[in-house]
Amino acid sequence: MNVLFLSKEYPPETGWGGIGTYVYNIAHALSERGDSVHILSLAYKTHPEYKEQKIGKGSIHIHRINPIRFPTPILNRFFFRSLEIIKYNLSIILKIKKLLNSEKFDIIEAPEWRSEAFLLSFIKPKGVPLVIKCHSPSVLLNEVYKNPPTLDSRCVDWIERAAIRNANLVISPSKSLADIVSEKMGIKREGIRIIPNPIDTETFSPVLSPLAPCPLPLAPLKVLFVGRLDRLKGTHIFAEAIPFILKVVPDVSITLIGRDTNTGQNNSSMKSFLESLIPEKIRDKVIFTGNIERGRLVDYYRESAICVAPSLYENFPNTVLEAMSCGKAVVASNTGGIPEVIEDGISGLLVKTGDAKDLAEKVIMLLKKRDMRENIGINARKRIESLYSKAAVAKNVEEVYAEICRLTAKK
């Protein structure tokens, strides 16, 4: 099968955001099964426009493009984001037109967020189905962040809605997100297929030792958060929980990995806001690392005793999958798609969303109960291997792709 993914994000050049990580993992998984995968992504001047990789039985072809630039000074005041989407869409259409001179794609997949397939959804190449993969539509994120509606945001919502409605198939990683997309976008829920995002279980794996099948972190125990320092990620909830945790279990170190954002009070630094929530006498127990290279991140997971994901909303968080894949007990908010990944009390612990006290109590319980912590970590790894490994998800994706290709060919 010859598959084209549209994704502005594709690591490592454009970072490891949620969409980029998904496309990277599924592209490698499909290539390992023998498929030919093409990715149309944003260009960086310091990197080649084209790169080919041989992965498994198949191949990955990375095409990077620069957005078309033309001045729209007056319109930018009211429609900046929607205009940026249109301009990038024009670049995509021109590049796909060139690619079609040498390639015959069986299917095209694109994210719904910032709708990279908006124009393509109206002028699809004949016989090539368009799949829209849901991550989190802008209308949902604006509600979560409580952003007031503007003309620009309404245009972006309409653009994303149009692409979803014009698609041959819509895929969501979780039932929770599928319900939201159905409601917000006005499409039938039964028409949305549920396929989880894959995780690289070989990279994100427990430390294997002949002496300790399930390795234990050395004292002091470590509690880990991975993700943007962002209000949506619930970092302020975690910061409020830290004094409670350290009061009961003082011999613990806490690490927060991720870049700073301006989602603190009055659009200020979230890192500074988090530090203000932590009493000075215990600040030496809390480490802010900033961004960590992907290759080093797995070591932080392995060295931790517990990982926390206190998000106010998540569709299908990679950090939860990564921590569980490393055999770690995860304490996470009961929100979005997280309860579909974590079986509460079996492969992780769920807490009330936005409840710092509940978060602290669950973390303290796991820190005190070593057997419980280890058993949850073992169950977490098993669950990831059986349901979310690259091989398992890629097989599911191929079957769904083949099905929609057959249906499109009959029309």
Protein backbone atom coordinates (compact mmCIF):
# COMPACT_ATOMS: atom_id res chain seq x y z
CA MET A 1 0.00 0.00 0.00
CA ASN A 2 1.24 3.51 -0.85
CA VAL A 3 0.13 5.98 1.86
CA LEU A 4 0.50 9.76 2.04
CA PHE A 5 0.37 11.53 5.42
CA LEU A 6 -0.09 15.28 5.71
CA SER A 7 1.51 16.51 8.92
CA LYS A 8 3.18 19.86 9.56
CA GLU A 9 4.91 18.16 12.48
CA TYR A 10 7.35 15.37 11.72
CA PRO A 11 10.30 14.75 14.04
CA PRO A 12 13.00 15.38 14.71
CA GLU A 13 13.12 18.63 12.69
CA THR A 14 9.74 19.94 13.83
CA GLY A 15 9.76 18.44 17.32
CA TRP A 16 7.80 15.66 19.01
CA GLY A 17 4.33 17.13 19.37
CA GLY A 18 1.34 14.84 19.67
CA ILE A 19 0.54 14.78 15.93
CA GLY A 20 4.19 14.46 14.90
CA THR A 21 4.76 11.60 17.33
CA TYR A 22 1.68 9.78 16.06
CA VAL A 23 2.68 10.15 12.40
CA TYR A 24 6.27 9.08 13.16
CA ASN A 25 5.13 5.94 14.98
CA ILE A 26 2.45 4.88 12.50
CA ALA A 27 4.70 5.62 9.50
CA HIS A 28 7.44 3.39 10.91
CA ALA A 29 4.92 0.71 11.84
CA LEU A 30 3.41 0.62 8.35
CA SER A 31 6.83 0.64 6.71
CA GLU A 32 7.92 -2.28 8.87
CA ARG A 33 4.93 -4.20 7.47
CA GLY A 34 6.06 -3.48 3.90
CA ASP A 35 4.07 -0.37 3.02
CA SER A 36 5.46 2.66 1.21
CA VAL A 37 4.83 5.79 3.29
CA HIS A 38 5.13 9.40 2.15
CA ILE A 39 4.97 12.32 4.58
CA LEU A 40 4.32 15.90 3.51
CA SER A 41 5.65 18.13 6.28
CA LEU A 42 6.89 21.62 7.07
CA ALA A 43 10.36 22.50 5.77
CA TYR A 44 13.26 23.85 7.77
CA LYS A 45 16.06 25.60 5.87
CA THR A 46 18.75 23.61 7.68
CA HIS A 47 17.29 20.25 6.58
CA PRO A 48 16.88 18.62 3.16
CA GLU A 49 13.56 18.99 1.36
CA TYR A 50 13.51 15.26 0.66
CA LYS A 51 14.72 12.27 2.62
CA GLU A 52 14.18 8.56 2.01
CA GLN A 53 14.50 5.86 4.67
CA LYS A 54 14.36 2.09 4.41
CA ILE A 55 12.40 0.85 7.42
CA GLY A 56 11.64 -2.87 7.65
CA LYS A 57 10.17 -4.27 4.43
CA GLY A 58 8.92 -0.87 3.27
CA SER A 59 10.14 2.71 3.00
CA ILE A 60 9.47 6.22 4.27
CA HIS A 61 9.73 9.26 2.02
CA ILE A 62 9.77 12.66 3.73
CA HIS A 63 8.85 15.67 1.59
CA ARG A 64 9.24 19.07 3.25
CA ILE A 65 7.62 22.21 1.90
CA ASN A 66 7.58 25.92 2.67
CA PRO A 67 4.21 27.65 2.94
CA ILE A 68 3.30 30.05 0.17
CA ARG A 69 3.83 33.62 1.38
CA PHE A 70 1.84 36.57 0.14
CA PRO A 71 0.94 39.75 2.03
CA THR A 72 -2.53 40.13 3.53
CA PRO A 73 -1.90 42.89 6.09
CA ILE A 74 -5.48 44.08 6.58
CA LEU A 75 -7.02 40.59 6.63
CA ASN A 76 -4.34 39.38 9.05
CA ARG A 77 -5.83 41.58 11.77
CA PHE A 78 -9.02 39.54 11.76
CA PHE A 79 -8.20 36.20 10.09
CA PHE A 80 -4.53 35.46 10.84
CA ARG A 81 -4.85 31.75 11.73
CA SER A 82 -7.41 30.90 9.06
CA LEU A 83 -5.31 32.67 6.41
CA GLU A 84 -2.21 30.75 7.50
CA ILE A 85 -4.17 27.52 7.08
CA ILE A 86 -5.27 28.51 3.57
CA LYS A 87 -1.75 29.51 2.55
CA TYR A 88 -0.29 26.23 3.78
CA ASN A 89 -3.11 24.33 2.06
CA LEU A 90 -2.15 25.97 -1.23
CA SER A 91 1.43 24.75 -0.77
CA ILE A 92 0.15 21.25 -0.07
CA ILE A 93 -2.03 21.18 -3.19
CA LEU A 94 0.88 22.28 -5.41
CA LYS A 95 3.21 19.67 -3.89
CA ILE A 96 0.69 16.85 -4.17
CA LYS A 97 0.13 17.77 -7.82
CA LYS A 98 3.86 17.26 -8.43
CA LEU A 99 3.97 14.02 -6.45
CA LEU A 100 1.09 12.58 -8.47
CA ASN A 101 3.29 12.75 -11.57
CA SER A 102 5.41 9.94 -10.14
CA GLU A 103 3.32 8.37 -7.37
CA LYS A 104 -0.04 6.58 -7.23
CA PHE A 105 -1.31 6.90 -3.68
CA ASP A 106 -3.82 4.42 -2.31
CA ILE A 107 -4.88 6.66 0.56
CA ILE A 108 -4.21 10.09 2.08
CA GLU A 109 -4.45 10.77 5.82
CA ALA A 110 -4.41 14.20 7.49
CA PRO A 111 -5.14 15.63 10.96
CA GLU A 112 -8.32 17.57 11.63
CA TRP A 113 -6.48 20.18 13.72
CA ARG A 114 -5.67 23.23 11.58
CA SER A 115 -7.04 21.22 8.64
CA GLU A 116 -4.12 20.56 6.31
CA ALA A 117 -6.54 18.73 3.99
CA PHE A 118 -9.14 21.50 3.73
CA LEU A 119 -8.62 22.32 0.05
CA LEU A 120 -7.73 18.73 -0.77
CA SER A 121 -11.08 17.58 0.64
CA PHE A 122 -12.84 19.47 -2.18
CA ILE A 123 -10.50 18.37 -4.99
CA LYS A 124 -9.43 14.86 -3.98
CA PRO A 125 -7.41 12.91 -6.56
CA LYS A 126 -9.75 10.50 -8.33
CA GLY A 127 -10.04 7.16 -6.57
CA VAL A 128 -7.86 8.17 -3.59
CA PRO A 129 -9.79 8.16 -0.29
CA LEU A 130 -9.14 10.92 2.23
CA VAL A 131 -8.91 9.89 5.89
CA ILE A 132 -9.09 12.51 8.62
CA LYS A 133 -7.45 11.49 11.89
CA CYS A 134 -8.82 13.32 14.93
CA HIS A 135 -6.40 14.68 17.54
CA SER A 136 -8.36 17.56 19.09
CA PRO A 137 -10.32 20.05 16.99
CA SER A 138 -9.76 23.75 17.61
CA VAL A 139 -13.34 24.25 18.80
CA LEU A 140 -12.68 21.80 21.66
CA LEU A 141 -9.33 23.33 22.62
CA ASN A 142 -10.82 26.83 22.64
CA GLU A 143 -13.49 25.63 25.05
CA VAL A 144 -10.93 23.94 27.31
CA TYR A 145 -8.68 27.02 27.32
CA LYS A 146 -11.78 29.25 27.65
CA ASN A 147 -10.72 31.37 24.67
CA PRO A 148 -13.43 33.86 23.67
CA PRO A 149 -14.78 33.25 20.14
CA THR A 150 -13.54 35.52 17.35
CA LEU A 151 -14.18 35.79 13.62
CA ASP A 152 -10.85 34.04 13.06
CA SER A 153 -11.59 31.15 15.43
CA ARG A 154 -15.02 30.66 13.86
CA CYS A 155 -13.40 30.47 10.42
CA VAL A 156 -10.87 27.91 11.66
CA ASP A 157 -13.72 25.85 13.13
CA TRP A 158 -15.59 25.97 9.82
CA ILE A 159 -12.46 24.95 7.89
CA GLU A 160 -11.85 21.95 10.16
CA ARG A 161 -15.53 20.98 10.03
CA ALA A 162 -15.57 21.11 6.22
CA ALA A 163 -12.57 18.81 5.89
CA ILE A 164 -14.06 16.28 8.29
CA ARG A 165 -17.42 16.30 6.52
CA ASN A 166 -15.78 15.90 3.10
CA ALA A 167 -13.55 13.02 4.19
CA ASN A 168 -14.16 9.44 3.10
CA LEU A 169 -13.40 8.23 6.60
CA VAL A 170 -12.88 9.77 10.06
CA ILE A 171 -10.70 8.01 12.65
CA SER A 172 -10.42 8.83 16.35
CA PRO A 173 -7.95 7.38 18.88
CA SER A 174 -10.60 7.27 21.61
CA LYS A 175 -14.35 6.88 22.02
CA SER A 176 -14.39 10.04 24.11
CA LEU A 177 -12.93 12.18 21.32
CA ALA A 178 -15.18 10.51 18.74
CA ASP A 179 -18.23 11.55 20.77
CA ILE A 180 -16.99 15.15 20.91
CA VAL A 181 -16.16 15.30 17.19
CA SER A 182 -19.55 13.85 16.30
CA GLU A 183 -21.31 16.49 18.39
CA LYS A 184 -19.17 19.48 17.43
CA MET A 185 -18.79 18.64 13.74
CA GLY A 186 -22.29 17.37 13.10
CA ILE A 187 -21.35 13.92 11.76
CA LYS A 188 -22.76 10.52 12.66
CA ARG A 189 -20.98 8.87 15.58
CA GLU A 190 -21.23 5.41 14.01
CA GLY A 191 -19.26 6.73 11.03
CA ILE A 192 -16.16 7.39 13.14
CA ARG A 193 -13.76 4.45 13.50
CA ILE A 194 -11.81 4.01 16.73
CA ILE A 195 -8.14 3.17 16.23
CA PRO A 196 -5.71 4.00 19.08
CA ASN A 197 -2.39 5.71 18.53
CA PRO A 198 0.60 3.35 18.48
CA ILE A 199 3.55 3.37 20.85
CA ASP A 200 7.11 2.19 20.18
CA THR A 201 7.25 -0.59 22.78
CA GLU A 202 10.85 -1.46 21.85
CA THR A 203 12.17 2.01 22.65
CA PHE A 204 9.87 2.60 25.60
CA SER A 205 10.47 -0.57 27.56
CA PRO A 206 11.39 -1.55 31.12
CA VAL A 207 15.05 -2.06 31.97
CA LEU A 208 15.70 -5.77 31.53
CA SER A 209 17.98 -7.51 33.99
CA PRO A 210 18.47 -11.26 34.66
CA LEU A 211 18.48 -10.46 38.37
CA ALA A 212 15.38 -8.26 38.38
CA PRO A 213 12.69 -8.95 35.76
CA CYS A 214 10.82 -5.82 36.88
CA PRO A 215 13.53 -3.30 37.84
CA LEU A 216 12.98 -1.08 40.84
CA PRO A 217 14.01 2.57 41.10
CA LEU A 218 16.72 3.28 43.63
CA ALA A 219 16.10 5.57 46.62
CA PRO A 220 15.07 8.29 46.74
CA LEU A 221 11.94 7.43 44.85
CA LYS A 222 11.20 9.69 41.88
CA VAL A 223 7.89 11.12 40.71
CA LEU A 224 7.89 12.25 37.08
CA PHE A 225 5.79 14.59 34.94
CA VAL A 226 6.40 14.78 31.17
CA GLY A 227 4.72 17.35 28.94
CA ARG A 228 4.47 21.06 28.24
CA LEU A 229 4.34 23.25 31.34
CA ASP A 230 0.83 24.23 30.42
CA ARG A 231 -2.45 24.84 32.21
CA LEU A 232 -4.17 22.27 29.98
CA LYS A 233 -1.64 19.67 31.15
CA GLY A 234 -2.62 20.36 34.77
CA THR A 235 0.89 21.26 35.88
CA HIS A 236 -0.53 23.75 38.40
CA ILE A 237 -2.62 20.94 39.91
CA PHE A 238 0.54 18.85 40.29
CA ALA A 239 2.39 21.82 41.85
CA GLU A 240 -0.41 22.20 44.40
CA ALA A 241 -0.14 18.48 45.22
CA ILE A 242 3.65 18.48 45.70
CA PRO A 243 3.68 19.96 49.26
CA PHE A 244 1.17 17.31 50.40
CA ILE A 245 3.26 14.54 48.86
CA LEU A 246 6.53 15.70 50.39
CA LYS A 247 4.96 16.25 53.80
CA VAL A 248 3.99 12.57 54.02
CA VAL A 249 6.88 11.08 52.02
CA PRO A 250 9.77 13.55 52.37
CA ASP A 251 12.41 11.29 50.80
CA VAL A 252 11.11 11.78 47.26
CA SER A 253 12.43 13.77 44.33
CA ILE A 254 10.11 15.30 41.74
CA THR A 255 11.00 16.06 38.13
CA LEU A 256 9.02 18.03 35.55
CA ILE A 257 10.16 17.62 31.94
CA GLY A 258 8.88 19.98 29.26
CA ARG A 259 9.16 23.44 27.79
CA ASP A 260 7.72 26.51 29.46
CA THR A 261 4.59 28.22 28.10
CA ASN A 262 2.83 31.53 28.73
CA THR A 263 -0.24 29.91 30.31
CA GLY A 264 0.56 31.07 33.84
CA GLN A 265 -1.37 33.87 35.53
CA ASN A 266 -2.06 36.79 33.18
CA ASN A 267 -0.35 34.93 30.31
CA SER A 268 2.93 34.79 32.21
CA SER A 269 5.55 32.04 32.45
CA MET A 270 3.97 28.84 33.71
CA LYS A 271 7.31 27.70 35.13
CA SER A 272 7.51 30.83 37.28
CA PHE A 273 3.91 30.36 38.37
CA LEU A 274 4.57 26.72 39.33
CA GLU A 275 7.63 27.71 41.34
CA SER A 276 5.51 30.25 43.23
CA LEU A 277 3.12 27.45 44.23
CA ILE A 278 5.92 25.38 45.77
CA PRO A 279 7.11 26.49 49.23
CA GLU A 280 10.73 27.64 49.22
CA LYS A 281 11.80 25.09 51.84
CA ILE A 282 11.00 22.17 49.49
CA ARG A 283 12.00 23.67 46.13
CA ASP A 284 15.28 21.77 46.17
CA LYS A 285 13.23 18.58 45.86
CA VAL A 286 11.66 19.76 42.59
CA ILE A 287 13.62 19.79 39.33
CA PHE A 288 12.54 21.54 36.12
CA THR A 289 14.63 20.13 33.26
CA GLY A 290 13.10 21.95 30.30
CA ASN A 291 12.96 19.92 27.08
CA ILE A 292 14.81 16.61 27.03
CA GLU A 293 16.10 14.87 23.91
CA ARG A 294 13.90 11.96 22.87
CA GLY A 295 16.75 9.50 23.27
CA ARG A 296 17.22 10.45 26.93
CA LEU A 297 13.55 10.59 27.85
CA VAL A 298 13.18 6.83 28.22
CA ASP A 299 15.87 6.85 30.94
CA TYR A 300 13.82 9.32 32.99
CA TYR A 301 10.79 7.06 32.70
CA ARG A 302 12.80 4.02 33.74
CA GLU A 303 14.36 5.77 36.72
CA SER A 304 11.00 6.98 38.05
CA ALA A 305 8.77 5.20 40.55
CA ILE A 306 5.55 6.92 39.47
CA CYS A 307 4.50 9.07 36.53
CA VAL A 308 1.71 11.64 36.78
CA ALA A 309 -0.59 13.02 34.08
CA PRO A 310 -2.87 15.56 35.83
CA SER A 311 -4.27 17.04 32.60
CA LEU A 312 -7.53 18.96 32.50
CA TYR A 313 -8.17 17.29 29.14
CA GLU A 314 -6.37 14.75 26.94
CA ASN A 315 -7.57 12.95 23.85
CA PHE A 316 -4.99 10.14 23.92
CA PRO A 317 -1.77 11.22 25.67
CA ASN A 318 1.52 9.83 24.40
CA THR A 319 3.16 10.40 27.77
CA VAL A 320 0.72 8.02 29.48
CA LEU A 321 1.40 5.36 26.83
CA GLU A 322 5.17 5.87 27.10
CA ALA A 323 5.24 5.61 30.89
CA MET A 324 3.02 2.52 30.90
CA SER A 325 5.15 0.96 28.16
CA CYS A 326 8.17 1.44 30.44
CA GLY A 327 6.34 -0.55 33.11
CA LYS A 328 5.56 2.41 35.33
CA ALA A 329 2.53 3.07 37.51
CA VAL A 330 0.72 6.14 36.16
CA VAL A 331 -1.56 8.41 38.18
CA ALA A 332 -3.71 10.32 35.69
CA SER A 333 -6.83 12.47 35.45
CA ASN A 334 -10.12 10.78 34.72
CA THR A 335 -10.66 12.82 31.57
CA GLY A 336 -10.88 12.43 27.79
CA GLY A 337 -9.40 9.21 26.45
CA ILE A 338 -7.28 8.41 29.52
CA PRO A 339 -9.88 6.10 31.17
CA GLU A 340 -9.93 4.07 27.95
CA VAL A 341 -6.19 3.41 28.33
CA ILE A 342 -5.92 2.97 32.11
CA GLU A 343 -7.96 0.34 33.95
CA ASP A 344 -8.33 2.06 37.31
CA GLY A 345 -6.55 0.12 40.05
CA ILE A 346 -5.18 -2.45 37.60
CA SER A 347 -2.93 -0.77 35.02
CA GLY A 348 -2.86 2.68 36.63
CA LEU A 349 -4.77 4.96 38.98
CA LEU A 350 -7.33 7.57 37.94
CA VAL A 351 -7.97 10.76 39.92
CA LYS A 352 -10.64 13.43 39.84
CA THR A 353 -9.74 15.98 37.19
CA GLY A 354 -8.39 19.18 38.74
CA ASP A 355 -8.29 17.71 42.28
CA ALA A 356 -4.81 18.25 43.77
CA LYS A 357 -5.70 16.47 47.02
CA ASP A 358 -6.89 13.32 45.22
CA LEU A 359 -3.75 13.39 43.07
CA ALA A 360 -1.52 13.69 46.14
CA GLU A 361 -3.31 10.88 47.99
CA LYS A 362 -2.99 8.44 45.07
CA VAL A 363 0.70 9.27 44.56
CA ILE A 364 1.38 8.85 48.29
CA MET A 365 -0.41 5.50 48.31
CA LEU A 366 1.75 4.17 45.49
CA LEU A 367 4.94 5.53 47.06
CA LYS A 368 4.11 3.67 50.28
CA LYS A 369 2.83 0.46 48.68
CA ARG A 370 5.71 -1.00 46.73
CA ASP A 371 3.92 -4.23 45.74
CA MET A 372 0.92 -2.33 44.41
CA ARG A 373 3.18 0.02 42.46
CA GLU A 374 5.10 -2.87 40.89
CA ASN A 375 1.99 -4.89 40.01
CA ILE A 376 0.36 -1.89 38.34
CA GLY A 377 3.56 -1.31 36.34
CA ILE A 378 3.63 -4.93 35.17
CA ASN A 379 -0.05 -4.79 34.17
CA ALA A 380 0.52 -1.47 32.40
CA ARG A 381 3.29 -2.93 30.24
CA LYS A 382 1.16 -5.96 29.33
CA ARG A 383 -1.76 -3.75 28.36
CA ILE A 384 0.38 -1.57 26.11
CA GLU A 385 1.97 -4.57 24.41
CA SER A 386 -1.39 -6.20 23.67
CA LEU A 387 -3.39 -3.15 22.55
CA TYR A 388 -1.11 -0.26 21.59
CA SER A 389 2.09 -1.68 20.11
CA LYS A 390 3.06 -0.47 16.65
CA ALA A 391 2.48 -3.91 15.15
CA ALA A 392 -1.02 -4.26 16.62
CA VAL A 393 -2.17 -0.78 15.61
CA ALA A 394 -0.59 -0.90 12.13
CA LYS A 395 -2.44 -4.14 11.33
CA ASN A 396 -5.71 -2.47 12.34
CA VAL A 397 -4.91 0.63 10.27
CA GLU A 398 -4.11 -1.44 7.18
CA GLU A 399 -7.41 -3.32 7.46
CA VAL A 400 -9.40 -0.08 7.75
CA TYR A 401 -7.48 1.51 4.88
CA ALA A 402 -8.16 -1.52 2.67
CA GLU A 403 -11.85 -1.41 3.55
CA ILE A 404 -12.28 2.28 2.67
CA CYS A 405 -10.30 1.78 -0.55
CA ARG A 406 -12.70 -0.99 -1.60
CA LEU A 407 -15.73 1.15 -0.79
CA THR A 408 -14.31 4.13 -2.70
CA ALA A 409 -13.52 1.97 -5.74
CA LYS A 410 -17.16 0.82 -5.90
CA LYS A 411 -18.49 4.38 -6.13
